[in-house]
């Protein structure tokens, strides 16, 4: 057996000790680093919109939640109906008051876009226009775990600031049943919903973003909020000129935008007590495009009243429309030169034979 010099053994032992110390230090660094990384997680927010499918390609009932944008070939929403939305909120502290801001485009591309907020399932004229009920909405579809429903909370009225149509959209909003003017929540309690920037319907605005703030307290995670964006209707808003509706249905681009913009108050899960912080949410915008309202399924039944014809050569006319959606407009015409109409825009005009 060959003996090794003492100096070599000492050097080898020293290197081994240093190596062991380095490994222990590295392990402690990784453990501590993981701890701080985990406890410093920011709150998490995600917004989805409901895809109800397209008639030629198949509808989705209930609606499918998508995390992207939808064009007119992917949905069959209609003016006067509401687009379904849900927000999934996580990494916030249970029991602490939390505030989040939601924004939407009231005006886009110089047209009325989403004019106010509703429940997540306001059908509008969907049944009348398409001949089938609006697709069901399940805000918990695809989510795993237990979700306790909280009490629905009333959404604020939109007002009518700078409206070009007196009374709108307040009259439209107030005509909805009370249950269709609520925001829903799961795993929490809403205590307030208020405008930060209320809607402005001024026609000179090519675009305008309204913002509201939702105040809630989580009871479990994640929290789910759900609501709807009412698609402005030409029935409410009328026309600026013949064939030029104020509403945005059928225009180019995607005028219907809903987004999450900011945590104005939240508490980290790891915090002691409820110290309030705020944070930007980043890019959380969902857009949608719809087709112009279809005129399918519109029909009319005409009746003729000859009771006065022998007396004064007049004939009573009346039409009972069906399909489409009210109010209807009328324009009678005659190809016979000796027939005149007292008012061709009436539902029941009188024709005189001369």
Protein backbone atom coordinates (compact mmCIF):
# COMPACT_ATOMS: atom_id res chain seq x y z
CA UNK A 1 0.00 0.00 0.00
CA UNK A 2 1.26 3.43 -0.94
CA UNK A 3 0.95 6.24 1.56
CA UNK A 4 -0.26 9.69 0.42
CA UNK A 5 1.36 12.84 1.66
CA UNK A 6 -0.51 14.59 4.46
CA UNK A 7 -0.76 17.75 2.40
CA UNK A 8 -2.78 15.94 -0.25
CA UNK A 9 -5.24 14.49 2.30
CA UNK A 10 -5.75 17.92 3.90
CA UNK A 11 -6.44 19.55 0.53
CA UNK A 12 -8.94 16.86 -0.44
CA UNK A 13 -10.79 17.15 2.90
CA UNK A 14 -10.98 20.94 2.63
CA UNK A 15 -12.49 20.74 -0.85
CA UNK A 16 -15.06 18.21 0.33
CA UNK A 17 -16.12 20.44 3.24
CA UNK A 18 -16.44 23.51 1.01
CA UNK A 19 -18.47 21.53 -1.50
CA UNK A 20 -20.86 20.31 1.21
CA UNK A 21 -21.28 23.82 2.59
CA UNK A 22 -22.05 25.12 -0.92
CA UNK A 23 -24.73 22.47 -1.44
CA UNK A 24 -26.40 23.32 1.89
CA UNK A 25 -26.32 27.04 1.08
CA UNK A 26 -27.76 26.46 -2.38
CA UNK A 27 -30.56 24.30 -0.95
CA UNK A 28 -31.44 26.97 1.62
CA UNK A 29 -31.42 29.63 -1.13
CA UNK A 30 -33.78 27.59 -3.29
CA UNK A 31 -36.17 26.92 -0.40
CA UNK A 32 -36.20 30.55 0.72
CA UNK A 33 -36.47 31.78 -2.87
CA UNK A 34 -39.43 29.51 -3.53
CA UNK A 35 -41.12 30.74 -0.38
CA UNK A 36 -40.79 34.39 -1.32
CA UNK A 37 -41.81 33.78 -4.91
CA UNK A 38 -44.94 31.94 -3.79
CA UNK A 39 -45.97 34.55 -1.25
CA UNK A 40 -45.48 37.45 -3.67
CA UNK A 41 -47.97 36.21 -6.28
CA UNK A 42 -50.12 38.94 -7.80
CA UNK A 43 -53.91 38.65 -7.98
CA UNK A 44 -55.24 36.84 -11.01
CA UNK A 45 -58.18 37.96 -13.19
CA UNK A 46 -59.59 36.52 -16.38
CA UNK A 47 -62.62 37.52 -18.49
CA UNK A 48 -64.51 35.18 -20.83
CA UNK A 49 -67.38 35.86 -23.21
CA UNK A 50 -70.15 33.47 -24.16
CA UNK A 51 -70.10 31.98 -27.65
CA UNK A 52 -73.62 30.96 -28.73
CA UNK A 53 -72.47 29.56 -32.08
CA UNK A 54 -73.66 30.26 -35.59
CA UNK A 55 -76.81 28.91 -37.22
CA UNK A 56 -75.17 27.31 -40.29
CA UNK A 57 -72.37 25.75 -38.23
CA UNK A 58 -74.31 24.76 -35.12
CA UNK A 59 -75.37 26.68 -32.04
CA UNK A 60 -73.89 26.21 -28.56
CA UNK A 61 -76.50 25.59 -25.89
CA UNK A 62 -75.49 26.43 -23.25
CA UNK A 63 -73.05 29.04 -24.51
CA UNK A 64 -69.39 28.05 -24.58
CA UNK A 65 -66.99 30.29 -22.68
CA UNK A 66 -64.13 31.57 -24.82
CA UNK A 67 -61.09 33.57 -23.85
CA UNK A 68 -60.76 35.33 -27.18
CA UNK A 69 -62.67 37.41 -29.69
CA UNK A 70 -65.69 36.42 -31.81
CA UNK A 71 -66.59 37.53 -35.33
CA UNK A 72 -69.99 37.46 -37.00
CA UNK A 73 -69.43 33.97 -38.45
CA UNK A 74 -68.98 32.51 -34.94
CA UNK A 75 -72.09 33.81 -33.18
CA UNK A 76 -75.70 34.82 -33.72
CA UNK A 77 -76.25 37.50 -31.14
CA UNK A 78 -78.81 40.12 -32.18
CA UNK A 79 -79.26 43.83 -31.45
CA UNK A 80 -81.25 44.19 -28.24
CA UNK A 81 -79.82 40.97 -26.77
CA UNK A 82 -77.03 40.88 -24.19
CA UNK A 83 -73.59 39.33 -24.64
CA UNK A 84 -72.72 37.01 -21.75
CA UNK A 85 -69.56 37.61 -19.72
CA UNK A 86 -67.87 36.07 -16.70
CA UNK A 87 -64.77 37.05 -14.71
CA UNK A 88 -62.76 34.50 -12.72
CA UNK A 89 -60.81 36.17 -9.89
CA UNK A 90 -58.12 34.38 -7.88
CA UNK A 91 -55.05 34.88 -5.62
CA UNK A 92 -56.83 37.37 -3.38
CA UNK A 93 -57.42 37.03 0.32
CA UNK A 94 -60.69 35.55 1.55
CA UNK A 95 -62.59 37.87 3.88
CA UNK A 96 -60.97 41.12 2.68
CA UNK A 97 -62.90 43.83 0.81
CA UNK A 98 -61.84 43.81 -2.84
CA UNK A 99 -62.54 46.20 -5.72
CA UNK A 100 -62.18 45.60 -9.44
CA UNK A 101 -62.98 47.87 -12.40
CA UNK A 102 -64.80 46.78 -15.55
CA UNK A 103 -64.86 48.88 -18.73
CA UNK A 104 -66.86 48.67 -21.94
CA UNK A 105 -67.23 50.67 -25.14
CA UNK A 106 -70.46 52.66 -25.20
CA UNK A 107 -69.53 54.11 -28.58
CA UNK A 108 -67.23 52.56 -31.15
CA UNK A 109 -66.57 53.55 -34.75
CA UNK A 110 -69.07 56.44 -34.33
CA UNK A 111 -71.94 54.05 -33.46
CA UNK A 112 -73.72 52.97 -30.29
CA UNK A 113 -72.11 49.70 -29.16
CA UNK A 114 -72.82 48.32 -25.65
CA UNK A 115 -75.20 50.91 -24.26
CA UNK A 116 -75.69 49.46 -20.75
CA UNK A 117 -75.13 46.36 -18.60
CA UNK A 118 -77.64 43.63 -17.76
CA UNK A 119 -77.77 40.14 -16.32
CA UNK A 120 -75.82 37.52 -18.24
CA UNK A 121 -78.87 36.06 -20.03
CA UNK A 122 -81.12 38.87 -21.31
CA UNK A 123 -82.54 37.35 -24.56
CA UNK A 124 -83.94 40.49 -26.19
CA UNK A 125 -85.67 39.67 -29.51
CA UNK A 126 -83.68 36.45 -30.04
CA UNK A 127 -86.75 34.18 -30.06
CA UNK A 128 -88.70 36.44 -32.41
CA UNK A 129 -85.90 36.86 -34.93
CA UNK A 130 -84.37 33.37 -34.95
CA UNK A 131 -87.38 31.25 -34.07
CA UNK A 132 -85.76 29.54 -31.07
CA UNK A 133 -85.11 30.57 -27.45
CA UNK A 134 -81.83 32.27 -26.62
CA UNK A 135 -79.13 29.82 -25.58
CA UNK A 136 -78.82 29.09 -21.86
CA UNK A 137 -75.98 30.62 -19.83
CA UNK A 138 -74.10 28.69 -17.14
CA UNK A 139 -71.33 30.87 -15.68
CA UNK A 140 -69.77 27.85 -13.91
CA UNK A 141 -69.51 25.70 -17.04
CA UNK A 142 -66.07 24.08 -17.25
CA UNK A 143 -65.00 25.10 -13.74
CA UNK A 144 -63.97 22.51 -11.16
CA UNK A 145 -64.77 22.65 -7.47
CA UNK A 146 -67.52 24.00 -5.23
CA UNK A 147 -69.00 27.43 -5.92
CA UNK A 148 -71.45 28.95 -3.45
CA UNK A 149 -73.88 31.43 -5.03
CA UNK A 150 -74.03 34.88 -3.51
CA UNK A 151 -76.95 37.29 -3.72
CA UNK A 152 -77.37 39.04 -7.11
CA UNK A 153 -76.62 42.76 -6.91
CA UNK A 154 -78.44 45.51 -8.89
CA UNK A 155 -76.46 47.13 -11.70
CA UNK A 156 -76.51 50.94 -11.85
CA UNK A 157 -78.82 52.59 -14.39
CA UNK A 158 -76.93 53.95 -17.40
CA UNK A 159 -78.41 57.44 -17.39
CA UNK A 160 -78.95 59.36 -20.61
CA UNK A 161 -76.06 61.83 -20.67
CA UNK A 162 -75.82 63.60 -24.05
CA UNK A 163 -78.27 61.15 -25.61
CA UNK A 164 -79.46 61.96 -29.15
CA UNK A 165 -82.72 60.10 -28.42
CA UNK A 166 -84.66 61.53 -25.46
CA UNK A 167 -85.09 58.98 -22.68
CA UNK A 168 -82.70 56.39 -24.12
CA UNK A 169 -81.17 54.15 -23.02
CA UNK A 170 -82.79 54.71 -19.60
CA UNK A 171 -86.23 53.72 -20.89
CA UNK A 172 -84.83 50.55 -22.43
CA UNK A 173 -82.93 49.64 -19.24
CA UNK A 174 -85.95 50.29 -16.99
CA UNK A 175 -88.22 48.17 -19.21
CA UNK A 176 -86.23 45.04 -18.32
CA UNK A 177 -87.45 42.88 -15.42
CA UNK A 178 -85.54 43.63 -12.20
CA UNK A 179 -83.89 40.18 -12.25
CA UNK A 180 -82.42 41.05 -15.67
CA UNK A 181 -80.62 44.09 -14.26
CA UNK A 182 -78.39 42.23 -11.76
CA UNK A 183 -74.79 41.03 -11.58
CA UNK A 184 -74.26 37.53 -10.20
CA UNK A 185 -71.46 36.30 -7.93
CA UNK A 186 -70.21 32.95 -6.66
CA UNK A 187 -67.86 32.49 -3.67
CA UNK A 188 -68.40 36.03 -2.48
CA UNK A 189 -70.73 38.89 -1.62
CA UNK A 190 -71.12 42.09 -3.63
CA UNK A 191 -71.56 45.19 -1.49
CA UNK A 192 -71.53 47.92 -4.15
CA UNK A 193 -71.44 48.59 -7.89
CA UNK A 194 -70.90 52.20 -8.94
CA UNK A 195 -69.89 54.21 -11.99
CA UNK A 196 -66.36 55.56 -12.09
CA UNK A 197 -66.91 57.02 -15.57
CA UNK A 198 -70.61 56.86 -16.51
CA UNK A 199 -71.72 56.40 -20.14
CA UNK A 200 -71.66 59.40 -22.46
CA UNK A 201 -73.81 58.97 -25.58
CA UNK A 202 -72.68 62.10 -27.42
CA UNK A 203 -72.76 61.40 -31.17
CA UNK A 204 -69.67 63.55 -31.70
CA UNK A 205 -67.70 60.89 -29.79
CA UNK A 206 -66.29 58.38 -32.24
CA UNK A 207 -65.48 56.22 -29.20
CA UNK A 208 -66.24 56.33 -25.49
CA UNK A 209 -65.33 53.97 -22.65
CA UNK A 210 -67.50 53.69 -19.54
CA UNK A 211 -66.01 52.25 -16.33
CA UNK A 212 -67.68 50.87 -13.23
CA UNK A 213 -66.26 49.50 -10.00
CA UNK A 214 -67.47 46.33 -8.28
CA UNK A 215 -66.85 45.99 -4.53
CA UNK A 216 -67.04 42.48 -3.10
CA UNK A 217 -65.72 40.26 -0.33
CA UNK A 218 -64.48 36.75 -1.24
CA UNK A 219 -65.72 33.82 0.85
CA UNK A 220 -63.70 31.24 -1.12
CA UNK A 221 -61.50 31.12 -4.21
CA UNK A 222 -61.82 31.62 -7.05
CA UNK A 223 -64.59 34.22 -7.18
CA UNK A 224 -66.82 34.29 -10.26
CA UNK A 225 -68.69 37.41 -11.43
CA UNK A 226 -71.14 37.25 -14.33
CA UNK A 227 -73.11 39.91 -16.22
CA UNK A 228 -74.20 40.92 -19.72
CA UNK A 229 -73.48 43.74 -22.17
CA UNK A 230 -76.64 45.01 -23.90
CA UNK A 231 -76.14 45.32 -27.65
CA UNK A 232 -77.48 48.75 -28.62
CA UNK A 233 -80.52 48.39 -30.87
CA UNK A 234 -81.66 50.52 -33.79
CA UNK A 235 -85.15 50.11 -32.35
CA UNK A 236 -84.04 52.19 -29.34
CA UNK A 237 -81.60 54.50 -31.10
CA UNK A 238 -83.20 55.05 -34.49
CA UNK A 239 -81.41 56.34 -37.57
CA UNK A 240 -79.35 59.39 -38.45
CA UNK A 241 -80.51 59.08 -42.08
CA UNK A 242 -82.45 56.49 -44.10
CA UNK A 243 -80.53 53.23 -43.92
CA UNK A 244 -78.01 54.67 -41.43
CA UNK A 245 -78.72 53.25 -37.95
CA UNK A 246 -77.06 54.66 -34.86
CA UNK A 247 -76.46 51.11 -33.65
CA UNK A 248 -73.35 49.15 -34.59
CA UNK A 249 -74.82 45.84 -35.82
CA UNK A 250 -73.34 44.90 -39.19
CA UNK A 251 -70.59 47.54 -39.33
CA UNK A 252 -67.03 46.53 -40.14
CA UNK A 253 -64.68 45.59 -37.32
CA UNK A 254 -65.63 44.38 -33.84
CA UNK A 255 -67.41 47.23 -32.04
CA UNK A 256 -68.47 45.39 -28.86
CA UNK A 257 -65.65 45.49 -26.30
CA UNK A 258 -65.67 44.47 -22.62
CA UNK A 259 -62.54 44.48 -20.45
CA UNK A 260 -61.14 44.20 -16.94
CA UNK A 261 -58.86 47.16 -16.28
CA UNK A 262 -57.67 47.40 -12.68
CA UNK A 263 -57.66 46.01 -9.16
CA UNK A 264 -58.31 49.20 -7.20
CA UNK A 265 -58.25 47.32 -3.90
CA UNK A 266 -57.11 43.79 -3.10
CA UNK A 267 -55.14 41.89 -0.46
CA UNK A 268 -52.53 39.22 -1.12
CA UNK A 269 -53.38 35.73 0.10
CA UNK A 270 -50.30 35.67 2.36
CA UNK A 271 -50.95 39.04 4.00
CA UNK A 272 -51.65 39.50 7.69
CA UNK A 273 -54.92 41.34 8.10
CA UNK A 274 -56.33 43.16 5.07
CA UNK A 275 -53.74 45.72 3.88
CA UNK A 276 -55.06 47.23 0.64
CA UNK A 277 -53.04 47.26 -2.57
CA UNK A 278 -53.84 48.10 -6.19
CA UNK A 279 -52.57 46.68 -9.47
CA UNK A 280 -53.14 46.90 -13.21
CA UNK A 281 -54.72 43.84 -14.80
CA UNK A 282 -53.07 44.28 -18.19
CA UNK A 283 -54.65 43.33 -21.50
CA UNK A 284 -58.00 41.68 -20.68
CA UNK A 285 -60.19 42.85 -23.58
CA UNK A 286 -62.83 40.73 -25.32
CA UNK A 287 -64.39 41.93 -28.58
CA UNK A 288 -67.31 40.74 -30.69
CA UNK A 289 -68.83 41.46 -34.09
CA UNK A 290 -72.43 40.68 -35.08
CA UNK A 291 -74.36 40.73 -38.33
CA UNK A 292 -76.98 43.35 -39.10
CA UNK A 293 -80.43 42.33 -37.81
CA UNK A 294 -81.97 39.83 -40.22
CA UNK A 295 -85.39 40.51 -41.72
CA UNK A 296 -86.29 36.83 -41.91
CA UNK A 297 -89.63 35.46 -40.71
CA UNK A 298 -91.39 38.78 -41.33
CA UNK A 299 -94.92 38.38 -42.75
CA UNK A 300 -98.18 40.27 -42.82
CA UNK A 301 -101.86 39.42 -43.07
CA UNK A 302 -103.91 41.99 -45.00
CA UNK A 303 -107.66 42.41 -44.57
CA UNK A 304 -109.94 44.55 -46.75
CA UNK A 305 -113.12 46.28 -45.54
CA UNK A 306 -115.59 47.09 -48.34
CA UNK A 307 -118.41 48.32 -46.07
CA UNK A 308 -118.21 51.93 -47.29
CA UNK A 309 -117.36 51.31 -50.91
CA UNK A 310 -120.92 51.68 -52.17
CA UNK A 311 -121.33 54.86 -50.09
CA UNK A 312 -118.18 56.90 -50.81
CA UNK A 313 -115.89 54.67 -52.91
CA UNK A 314 -113.53 54.03 -50.01
CA UNK A 315 -111.90 50.75 -49.00
CA UNK A 316 -110.50 50.08 -45.53
CA UNK A 317 -107.12 48.33 -45.42
CA UNK A 318 -105.34 46.74 -42.48
CA UNK A 319 -102.20 44.65 -42.07
CA UNK A 320 -101.28 42.51 -39.05
CA UNK A 321 -97.49 41.93 -39.07
CA UNK A 322 -95.62 39.00 -37.55
CA UNK A 323 -91.95 38.09 -37.18
CA UNK A 324 -89.13 40.58 -36.87
CA UNK A 325 -89.66 42.81 -33.88
CA UNK A 326 -91.79 45.84 -33.13
CA UNK A 327 -92.28 48.70 -33.64
CA UNK A 328 -93.06 48.22 -37.32
CA UNK A 329 -93.15 50.85 -40.03
CA UNK A 330 -95.50 50.80 -43.02
CA UNK A 331 -95.47 52.11 -46.57
CA UNK A 332 -98.43 51.24 -48.78
CA UNK A 333 -98.41 51.86 -52.53
CA UNK A 334 -100.82 51.33 -55.41
CA UNK A 335 -100.06 50.53 -59.02
CA UNK A 336 -103.56 51.65 -60.07
CA UNK A 337 -103.65 55.37 -60.99
CA UNK A 338 -107.26 55.93 -59.89
CA UNK A 339 -106.60 54.74 -56.29
CA UNK A 340 -105.34 57.18 -53.67
CA UNK A 341 -104.35 56.46 -50.06
CA UNK A 342 -105.15 58.89 -47.26
CA UNK A 343 -101.83 58.10 -45.51
CA UNK A 344 -99.58 55.32 -46.89
CA UNK A 345 -97.55 55.15 -43.64
CA UNK A 346 -100.49 53.98 -41.48
CA UNK A 347 -101.08 50.40 -40.44
CA UNK A 348 -104.73 50.82 -41.48
CA UNK A 349 -105.03 53.39 -44.27
CA UNK A 350 -108.09 54.17 -46.38
CA UNK A 351 -108.00 53.80 -50.17
CA UNK A 352 -110.33 55.89 -52.33
CA UNK A 353 -111.25 54.85 -55.87
CA UNK A 354 -111.89 57.86 -58.13
